[in-house]
Amino acid sequence: MARHKLSRNAPCPCASGKKYKHCCWGKGFEYVADDQSQLVREVPISAENLALLEAQAQQSRQRFGRGPGPDDLLFFDAPPLEQVEHQLVEAMKRAGLRPALIHAFEQTGLLVTEDNQHLIPEQDLQAWHAAVADYNARNSSPP
C-alpha cells in the first residue's frame, strides 16, 4: 500500500485547528495518507528497537512455529498493560512526582516534560494540561 506525506499546509490531523507546519510538523513523527486517504502517524524506529522487535519475532517463531500475525501480541510474554501501568504509577509515587502529574498520566497515558512537550501533538498536550487542571481544581483547598 503506497503512502504519501501530508502537505505542510494541510490542517493538522491532531485537530488543533492549526496548519500541519505550525503544529505537529517536525515533532519526530509524521502523518502520511494511504491510498484511501486514511491518515496514519508514522514514528521512525531506531536500529536498536528494530533489533529488539526482530528478536521478539524470532522468539515467536520458536515458541509458536511461525512469526507474529497481525492480531498477535508481539511481546506475548509481557505482563498485562494494567499491571505495567500500576507499576509505573507506584514508581512515580515513590519518586515523589506531584499527584497532579500522576493523575494526568493515568488519564492520558502521557508524561509531559519540558524536554518532550515539543514532540507531543497539540491535542494531546491540551488533554494533558486539562487533566492536570482538573486534578488541581478538585484537590485545591478553599481560600
N, C-alpha and C. Protein backbone atom coordinates (compact mmCIF):
# COMPACT_ATOMS: atom_id res chain seq x y z
N MET A 1 0.85 -1.17 0.00
CA MET A 1 0.00 0.00 0.00
C MET A 1 0.89 1.23 0.00
N ALA A 2 0.70 2.07 -0.97
CA ALA A 2 1.50 3.28 -1.10
C ALA A 2 1.02 4.34 -0.10
N ARG A 3 1.96 5.07 0.43
CA ARG A 3 1.64 6.16 1.34
C ARG A 3 2.32 7.42 0.84
N HIS A 4 1.68 8.55 1.06
CA HIS A 4 2.30 9.81 0.70
C HIS A 4 2.22 10.77 1.88
N LYS A 5 3.21 11.65 1.94
CA LYS A 5 3.29 12.60 3.03
C LYS A 5 2.16 13.61 2.97
N LEU A 6 1.74 14.04 4.13
CA LEU A 6 0.72 15.06 4.24
C LEU A 6 1.35 16.42 3.90
N SER A 7 0.64 17.23 3.19
CA SER A 7 1.12 18.57 2.83
C SER A 7 1.35 19.40 4.08
N ARG A 8 2.42 20.18 4.09
CA ARG A 8 2.72 21.06 5.22
C ARG A 8 1.59 22.07 5.46
N ASN A 9 0.87 22.44 4.39
CA ASN A 9 -0.18 23.44 4.51
C ASN A 9 -1.56 22.86 4.83
N ALA A 10 -1.64 21.55 4.95
CA ALA A 10 -2.91 20.90 5.30
C ALA A 10 -3.25 21.19 6.76
N PRO A 11 -4.54 21.12 7.10
CA PRO A 11 -4.89 21.23 8.53
C PRO A 11 -4.24 20.09 9.31
N CYS A 12 -3.76 20.38 10.49
CA CYS A 12 -3.08 19.36 11.28
C CYS A 12 -4.07 18.27 11.69
N PRO A 13 -3.71 17.01 11.51
CA PRO A 13 -4.60 15.91 11.87
C PRO A 13 -4.88 15.80 13.37
N CYS A 14 -4.10 16.47 14.21
CA CYS A 14 -4.34 16.38 15.65
C CYS A 14 -5.53 17.22 16.08
N ALA A 15 -6.17 17.90 15.13
CA ALA A 15 -7.39 18.68 15.37
C ALA A 15 -7.14 19.96 16.18
N SER A 16 -5.93 20.48 16.12
CA SER A 16 -5.63 21.72 16.85
C SER A 16 -6.23 22.94 16.16
N GLY A 17 -6.57 22.79 14.86
CA GLY A 17 -7.05 23.92 14.09
C GLY A 17 -5.94 24.68 13.40
N LYS A 18 -4.70 24.29 13.66
CA LYS A 18 -3.55 24.94 13.03
C LYS A 18 -3.17 24.19 11.76
N LYS A 19 -2.32 24.84 10.95
CA LYS A 19 -1.75 24.15 9.81
C LYS A 19 -0.73 23.14 10.34
N TYR A 20 -0.58 22.06 9.60
CA TYR A 20 0.36 20.99 9.96
C TYR A 20 1.75 21.56 10.23
N LYS A 21 2.22 22.49 9.37
CA LYS A 21 3.58 23.02 9.51
C LYS A 21 3.75 23.87 10.77
N HIS A 22 2.65 24.37 11.34
CA HIS A 22 2.73 25.18 12.55
C HIS A 22 2.34 24.39 13.80
N CYS A 23 2.15 23.09 13.64
CA CYS A 23 1.70 22.30 14.79
C CYS A 23 2.57 21.05 14.96
N CYS A 24 2.24 19.98 14.29
CA CYS A 24 2.92 18.69 14.52
C CYS A 24 4.08 18.41 13.57
N TRP A 25 4.31 19.29 12.61
CA TRP A 25 5.42 19.12 11.67
C TRP A 25 6.73 19.16 12.46
N GLY A 26 7.61 18.20 12.23
CA GLY A 26 8.93 18.21 12.86
C GLY A 26 8.95 17.79 14.31
N LYS A 27 7.96 17.02 14.76
CA LYS A 27 7.93 16.58 16.15
C LYS A 27 8.45 15.16 16.34
N GLY A 28 9.18 14.65 15.35
CA GLY A 28 9.76 13.32 15.50
C GLY A 28 8.88 12.22 14.92
N PHE A 29 7.78 12.58 14.32
CA PHE A 29 6.91 11.65 13.63
C PHE A 29 6.31 12.42 12.47
N GLU A 30 5.65 11.73 11.56
CA GLU A 30 4.95 12.44 10.50
C GLU A 30 3.66 11.74 10.16
N TYR A 31 2.72 12.53 9.70
CA TYR A 31 1.45 11.99 9.24
C TYR A 31 1.57 11.68 7.77
N VAL A 32 1.08 10.51 7.39
CA VAL A 32 1.05 10.11 5.98
C VAL A 32 -0.35 9.60 5.67
N ALA A 33 -0.72 9.66 4.41
CA ALA A 33 -2.04 9.18 3.98
C ALA A 33 -1.84 7.97 3.08
N ASP A 34 -2.71 6.96 3.24
CA ASP A 34 -2.64 5.79 2.37
C ASP A 34 -3.50 6.01 1.13
N ASP A 35 -3.66 4.97 0.32
CA ASP A 35 -4.41 5.09 -0.93
C ASP A 35 -5.87 5.50 -0.72
N GLN A 36 -6.43 5.18 0.45
CA GLN A 36 -7.81 5.54 0.75
C GLN A 36 -7.90 6.85 1.53
N SER A 37 -6.80 7.60 1.57
CA SER A 37 -6.71 8.89 2.26
C SER A 37 -6.88 8.78 3.77
N GLN A 38 -6.64 7.60 4.32
CA GLN A 38 -6.66 7.42 5.77
C GLN A 38 -5.33 7.90 6.32
N LEU A 39 -5.37 8.77 7.33
CA LEU A 39 -4.14 9.29 7.91
C LEU A 39 -3.57 8.34 8.94
N VAL A 40 -2.26 8.19 8.90
CA VAL A 40 -1.53 7.34 9.82
C VAL A 40 -0.36 8.14 10.37
N ARG A 41 -0.09 8.02 11.67
CA ARG A 41 1.06 8.69 12.25
C ARG A 41 2.22 7.70 12.24
N GLU A 42 3.27 8.02 11.48
CA GLU A 42 4.45 7.17 11.39
C GLU A 42 5.52 7.70 12.33
N VAL A 43 6.08 6.79 13.12
CA VAL A 43 7.15 7.14 14.04
C VAL A 43 8.38 6.36 13.62
N PRO A 44 9.51 7.05 13.38
CA PRO A 44 10.72 6.33 12.99
C PRO A 44 11.18 5.41 14.11
N ILE A 45 11.79 4.31 13.73
CA ILE A 45 12.26 3.34 14.71
C ILE A 45 13.78 3.25 14.65
N SER A 46 14.40 3.23 15.81
CA SER A 46 15.87 3.18 15.87
C SER A 46 16.34 1.77 15.53
N ALA A 47 17.59 1.66 15.17
CA ALA A 47 18.18 0.36 14.86
C ALA A 47 18.12 -0.55 16.08
N GLU A 48 18.32 0.01 17.26
CA GLU A 48 18.26 -0.77 18.50
C GLU A 48 16.86 -1.36 18.71
N ASN A 49 15.84 -0.54 18.51
CA ASN A 49 14.46 -1.01 18.67
C ASN A 49 14.08 -2.01 17.57
N LEU A 50 14.58 -1.78 16.37
CA LEU A 50 14.34 -2.72 15.28
C LEU A 50 14.92 -4.09 15.61
N ALA A 51 16.13 -4.11 16.19
CA ALA A 51 16.75 -5.37 16.59
C ALA A 51 15.93 -6.05 17.70
N LEU A 52 15.40 -5.28 18.63
CA LEU A 52 14.56 -5.82 19.70
C LEU A 52 13.29 -6.45 19.11
N LEU A 53 12.67 -5.77 18.16
CA LEU A 53 11.46 -6.30 17.53
C LEU A 53 11.76 -7.59 16.77
N GLU A 54 12.89 -7.62 16.07
CA GLU A 54 13.26 -8.84 15.35
C GLU A 54 13.53 -9.99 16.31
N ALA A 55 14.14 -9.71 17.45
CA ALA A 55 14.37 -10.75 18.46
C ALA A 55 13.05 -11.30 18.99
N GLN A 56 12.07 -10.42 19.20
CA GLN A 56 10.75 -10.87 19.65
C GLN A 56 10.07 -11.71 18.58
N ALA A 57 10.19 -11.31 17.32
CA ALA A 57 9.61 -12.09 16.23
C ALA A 57 10.25 -13.47 16.16
N GLN A 58 11.56 -13.52 16.39
CA GLN A 58 12.26 -14.81 16.40
C GLN A 58 11.77 -15.69 17.54
N GLN A 59 11.56 -15.11 18.72
CA GLN A 59 11.02 -15.86 19.85
C GLN A 59 9.62 -16.39 19.53
N SER A 60 8.84 -15.60 18.83
CA SER A 60 7.50 -16.04 18.42
C SER A 60 7.61 -17.24 17.48
N ARG A 61 8.54 -17.17 16.53
CA ARG A 61 8.72 -18.30 15.60
C ARG A 61 9.15 -19.55 16.35
N GLN A 62 10.03 -19.40 17.34
CA GLN A 62 10.48 -20.54 18.12
C GLN A 62 9.36 -21.13 18.98
N ARG A 63 8.58 -20.28 19.59
CA ARG A 63 7.54 -20.74 20.52
C ARG A 63 6.31 -21.28 19.79
N PHE A 64 5.88 -20.59 18.72
CA PHE A 64 4.63 -20.93 18.07
C PHE A 64 4.81 -21.55 16.68
N GLY A 65 6.05 -21.62 16.21
CA GLY A 65 6.31 -22.21 14.90
C GLY A 65 6.00 -21.29 13.73
N ARG A 66 5.79 -20.01 14.02
CA ARG A 66 5.51 -19.02 12.98
C ARG A 66 5.80 -17.65 13.54
N GLY A 67 5.96 -16.70 12.64
CA GLY A 67 6.15 -15.32 13.07
C GLY A 67 4.84 -14.73 13.56
N PRO A 68 4.90 -13.57 14.18
CA PRO A 68 3.68 -12.94 14.69
C PRO A 68 2.76 -12.52 13.54
N GLY A 69 1.47 -12.73 13.75
CA GLY A 69 0.46 -12.31 12.78
C GLY A 69 -0.06 -10.93 13.13
N PRO A 70 -0.91 -10.38 12.29
CA PRO A 70 -1.39 -9.01 12.52
C PRO A 70 -2.21 -8.85 13.79
N ASP A 71 -2.81 -9.91 14.30
CA ASP A 71 -3.61 -9.81 15.52
C ASP A 71 -2.90 -10.39 16.74
N ASP A 72 -1.64 -10.80 16.59
CA ASP A 72 -0.87 -11.37 17.70
C ASP A 72 -0.15 -10.28 18.48
N LEU A 73 0.04 -10.54 19.76
CA LEU A 73 0.86 -9.66 20.56
C LEU A 73 2.32 -9.93 20.21
N LEU A 74 3.07 -8.90 19.92
CA LEU A 74 4.48 -9.11 19.62
C LEU A 74 5.24 -9.46 20.89
N PHE A 75 4.92 -8.78 21.98
CA PHE A 75 5.54 -9.08 23.27
C PHE A 75 4.58 -9.98 24.05
N PHE A 76 4.48 -11.22 23.58
CA PHE A 76 3.49 -12.15 24.12
C PHE A 76 3.77 -12.56 25.55
N ASP A 77 4.99 -12.40 26.00
CA ASP A 77 5.34 -12.80 27.36
C ASP A 77 5.38 -11.62 28.34
N ALA A 78 4.92 -10.45 27.90
CA ALA A 78 4.90 -9.26 28.75
C ALA A 78 3.72 -9.33 29.72
N PRO A 79 3.85 -8.68 30.88
CA PRO A 79 2.72 -8.64 31.81
C PRO A 79 1.58 -7.82 31.21
N PRO A 80 0.37 -7.99 31.72
CA PRO A 80 -0.77 -7.20 31.22
C PRO A 80 -0.49 -5.70 31.36
N LEU A 81 -1.01 -4.92 30.42
CA LEU A 81 -0.78 -3.48 30.40
C LEU A 81 -1.23 -2.82 31.70
N GLU A 82 -2.32 -3.27 32.28
CA GLU A 82 -2.81 -2.69 33.52
C GLU A 82 -1.78 -2.84 34.63
N GLN A 83 -1.10 -3.99 34.66
CA GLN A 83 -0.08 -4.24 35.68
C GLN A 83 1.12 -3.32 35.47
N VAL A 84 1.52 -3.14 34.23
CA VAL A 84 2.64 -2.25 33.92
C VAL A 84 2.29 -0.83 34.31
N GLU A 85 1.08 -0.38 33.96
CA GLU A 85 0.66 0.98 34.31
C GLU A 85 0.63 1.17 35.83
N HIS A 86 0.16 0.17 36.55
CA HIS A 86 0.12 0.24 38.01
C HIS A 86 1.55 0.36 38.56
N GLN A 87 2.47 -0.43 38.03
CA GLN A 87 3.86 -0.36 38.48
C GLN A 87 4.47 1.01 38.18
N LEU A 88 4.14 1.58 37.02
CA LEU A 88 4.63 2.93 36.69
C LEU A 88 4.11 3.96 37.68
N VAL A 89 2.82 3.89 37.99
CA VAL A 89 2.23 4.85 38.93
C VAL A 89 2.87 4.71 40.30
N GLU A 90 3.07 3.48 40.75
CA GLU A 90 3.71 3.27 42.06
C GLU A 90 5.14 3.82 42.07
N ALA A 91 5.86 3.65 40.97
CA ALA A 91 7.22 4.18 40.87
C ALA A 91 7.19 5.71 40.88
N MET A 92 6.20 6.31 40.22
CA MET A 92 6.07 7.76 40.23
C MET A 92 5.82 8.27 41.64
N LYS A 93 4.97 7.57 42.38
CA LYS A 93 4.68 7.97 43.77
C LYS A 93 5.94 7.87 44.62
N ARG A 94 6.69 6.78 44.48
CA ARG A 94 7.92 6.61 45.26
C ARG A 94 8.96 7.67 44.90
N ALA A 95 8.94 8.11 43.65
CA ALA A 95 9.89 9.13 43.21
C ALA A 95 9.47 10.54 43.63
N GLY A 96 8.28 10.66 44.20
CA GLY A 96 7.80 11.96 44.67
C GLY A 96 7.23 12.86 43.60
N LEU A 97 6.77 12.28 42.50
CA LEU A 97 6.14 13.08 41.45
C LEU A 97 4.86 13.71 41.98
N ARG A 98 4.59 14.93 41.55
CA ARG A 98 3.39 15.61 42.00
C ARG A 98 2.15 14.79 41.64
N PRO A 99 1.19 14.69 42.56
CA PRO A 99 -0.03 13.90 42.30
C PRO A 99 -0.79 14.35 41.06
N ALA A 100 -0.77 15.64 40.74
CA ALA A 100 -1.46 16.12 39.55
C ALA A 100 -0.85 15.52 38.28
N LEU A 101 0.46 15.36 38.27
CA LEU A 101 1.13 14.78 37.11
C LEU A 101 0.84 13.28 37.00
N ILE A 102 0.75 12.62 38.14
CA ILE A 102 0.39 11.20 38.13
C ILE A 102 -1.03 11.03 37.61
N HIS A 103 -1.93 11.88 38.07
CA HIS A 103 -3.31 11.85 37.60
C HIS A 103 -3.37 12.06 36.09
N ALA A 104 -2.62 13.04 35.59
CA ALA A 104 -2.61 13.32 34.15
C ALA A 104 -2.07 12.12 33.38
N PHE A 105 -1.06 11.45 33.91
CA PHE A 105 -0.54 10.24 33.27
C PHE A 105 -1.63 9.17 33.21
N GLU A 106 -2.34 8.98 34.31
CA GLU A 106 -3.39 7.96 34.34
C GLU A 106 -4.51 8.27 33.36
N GLN A 107 -4.79 9.57 33.16
CA GLN A 107 -5.87 9.98 32.25
C GLN A 107 -5.47 9.94 30.79
N THR A 108 -4.21 10.27 30.50
CA THR A 108 -3.79 10.44 29.10
C THR A 108 -2.77 9.42 28.62
N GLY A 109 -2.08 8.76 29.55
CA GLY A 109 -1.01 7.85 29.15
C GLY A 109 0.27 8.60 28.81
N LEU A 110 0.30 9.90 29.06
CA LEU A 110 1.47 10.72 28.74
C LEU A 110 2.17 11.15 30.02
N LEU A 111 3.45 11.38 29.90
CA LEU A 111 4.23 12.02 30.95
C LEU A 111 4.96 13.17 30.26
N VAL A 112 4.44 14.36 30.40
CA VAL A 112 4.93 15.53 29.68
C VAL A 112 5.99 16.24 30.51
N THR A 113 7.09 16.56 29.85
CA THR A 113 8.18 17.31 30.48
C THR A 113 8.57 18.46 29.56
N GLU A 114 9.40 19.36 30.08
CA GLU A 114 9.91 20.44 29.23
C GLU A 114 10.70 19.87 28.05
N ASP A 115 11.37 18.75 28.28
CA ASP A 115 12.20 18.15 27.23
C ASP A 115 11.40 17.48 26.12
N ASN A 116 10.19 17.00 26.41
CA ASN A 116 9.46 16.26 25.37
C ASN A 116 8.18 16.94 24.89
N GLN A 117 7.77 18.02 25.52
CA GLN A 117 6.47 18.60 25.15
C GLN A 117 6.43 19.09 23.71
N HIS A 118 7.56 19.48 23.15
CA HIS A 118 7.57 19.94 21.75
C HIS A 118 7.35 18.78 20.78
N LEU A 119 7.43 17.55 21.25
CA LEU A 119 7.24 16.37 20.40
C LEU A 119 5.80 15.85 20.42
N ILE A 120 4.98 16.41 21.28
CA ILE A 120 3.63 15.89 21.51
C ILE A 120 2.62 16.71 20.73
N PRO A 121 1.68 16.04 20.02
CA PRO A 121 0.65 16.78 19.28
C PRO A 121 -0.14 17.71 20.20
N GLU A 122 -0.56 18.84 19.64
CA GLU A 122 -1.25 19.87 20.40
C GLU A 122 -2.49 19.32 21.13
N GLN A 123 -3.26 18.49 20.45
CA GLN A 123 -4.47 17.94 21.06
C GLN A 123 -4.12 17.10 22.30
N ASP A 124 -3.05 16.32 22.22
CA ASP A 124 -2.63 15.50 23.36
C ASP A 124 -2.11 16.37 24.50
N LEU A 125 -1.39 17.44 24.16
CA LEU A 125 -0.93 18.38 25.20
C LEU A 125 -2.10 19.04 25.91
N GLN A 126 -3.11 19.41 25.13
CA GLN A 126 -4.30 20.03 25.73
C GLN A 126 -4.99 19.07 26.70
N ALA A 127 -5.07 17.80 26.31
CA ALA A 127 -5.67 16.79 27.20
C ALA A 127 -4.85 16.64 28.48
N TRP A 128 -3.53 16.66 28.34
CA TRP A 128 -2.63 16.56 29.50
C TRP A 128 -2.86 17.74 30.45
N HIS A 129 -2.82 18.95 29.89
CA HIS A 129 -3.00 20.15 30.72
C HIS A 129 -4.39 20.19 31.35
N ALA A 130 -5.40 19.71 30.63
CA ALA A 130 -6.76 19.66 31.19
C ALA A 130 -6.82 18.69 32.36
N ALA A 131 -6.13 17.56 32.26
CA ALA A 131 -6.12 16.58 33.34
C ALA A 131 -5.40 17.14 34.57
N VAL A 132 -4.30 17.86 34.37
CA VAL A 132 -3.59 18.50 35.49
C VAL A 132 -4.49 19.54 36.15
N ALA A 133 -5.14 20.37 35.33
CA ALA A 133 -6.03 21.41 35.86
C ALA A 133 -7.22 20.80 36.60
N ASP A 134 -7.76 19.70 36.06
CA ASP A 134 -8.88 19.01 36.71
C ASP A 134 -8.46 18.51 38.08
N TYR A 135 -7.30 17.89 38.17
CA TYR A 135 -6.82 17.39 39.47
C TYR A 135 -6.65 18.56 40.44
N ASN A 136 -6.00 19.61 39.97
CA ASN A 136 -5.76 20.76 40.86
C ASN A 136 -7.06 21.40 41.32
N ALA A 137 -8.06 21.48 40.45
CA ALA A 137 -9.35 22.08 40.82
C ALA A 137 -10.07 21.22 41.86
N ARG A 138 -9.98 19.89 41.68
CA ARG A 138 -10.70 19.01 42.61
C ARG A 138 -9.97 18.84 43.94
N ASN A 139 -8.71 19.18 43.99
CA ASN A 139 -7.93 18.95 45.20
C ASN A 139 -7.36 20.22 45.81
N SER A 140 -7.88 21.36 45.40
CA SER A 140 -7.39 22.61 46.00
C SER A 140 -8.15 22.91 47.27
N SER A 141 -7.47 23.54 48.17
CA SER A 141 -8.11 23.93 49.44
C SER A 141 -8.89 25.22 49.23
N PRO A 142 -10.07 25.32 49.83
CA PRO A 142 -10.82 26.57 49.70
C PRO A 142 -10.05 27.69 50.40
N PRO A 143 -10.15 28.92 49.86
CA PRO A 143 -9.40 30.05 50.45
C PRO A 143 -9.86 30.42 51.84
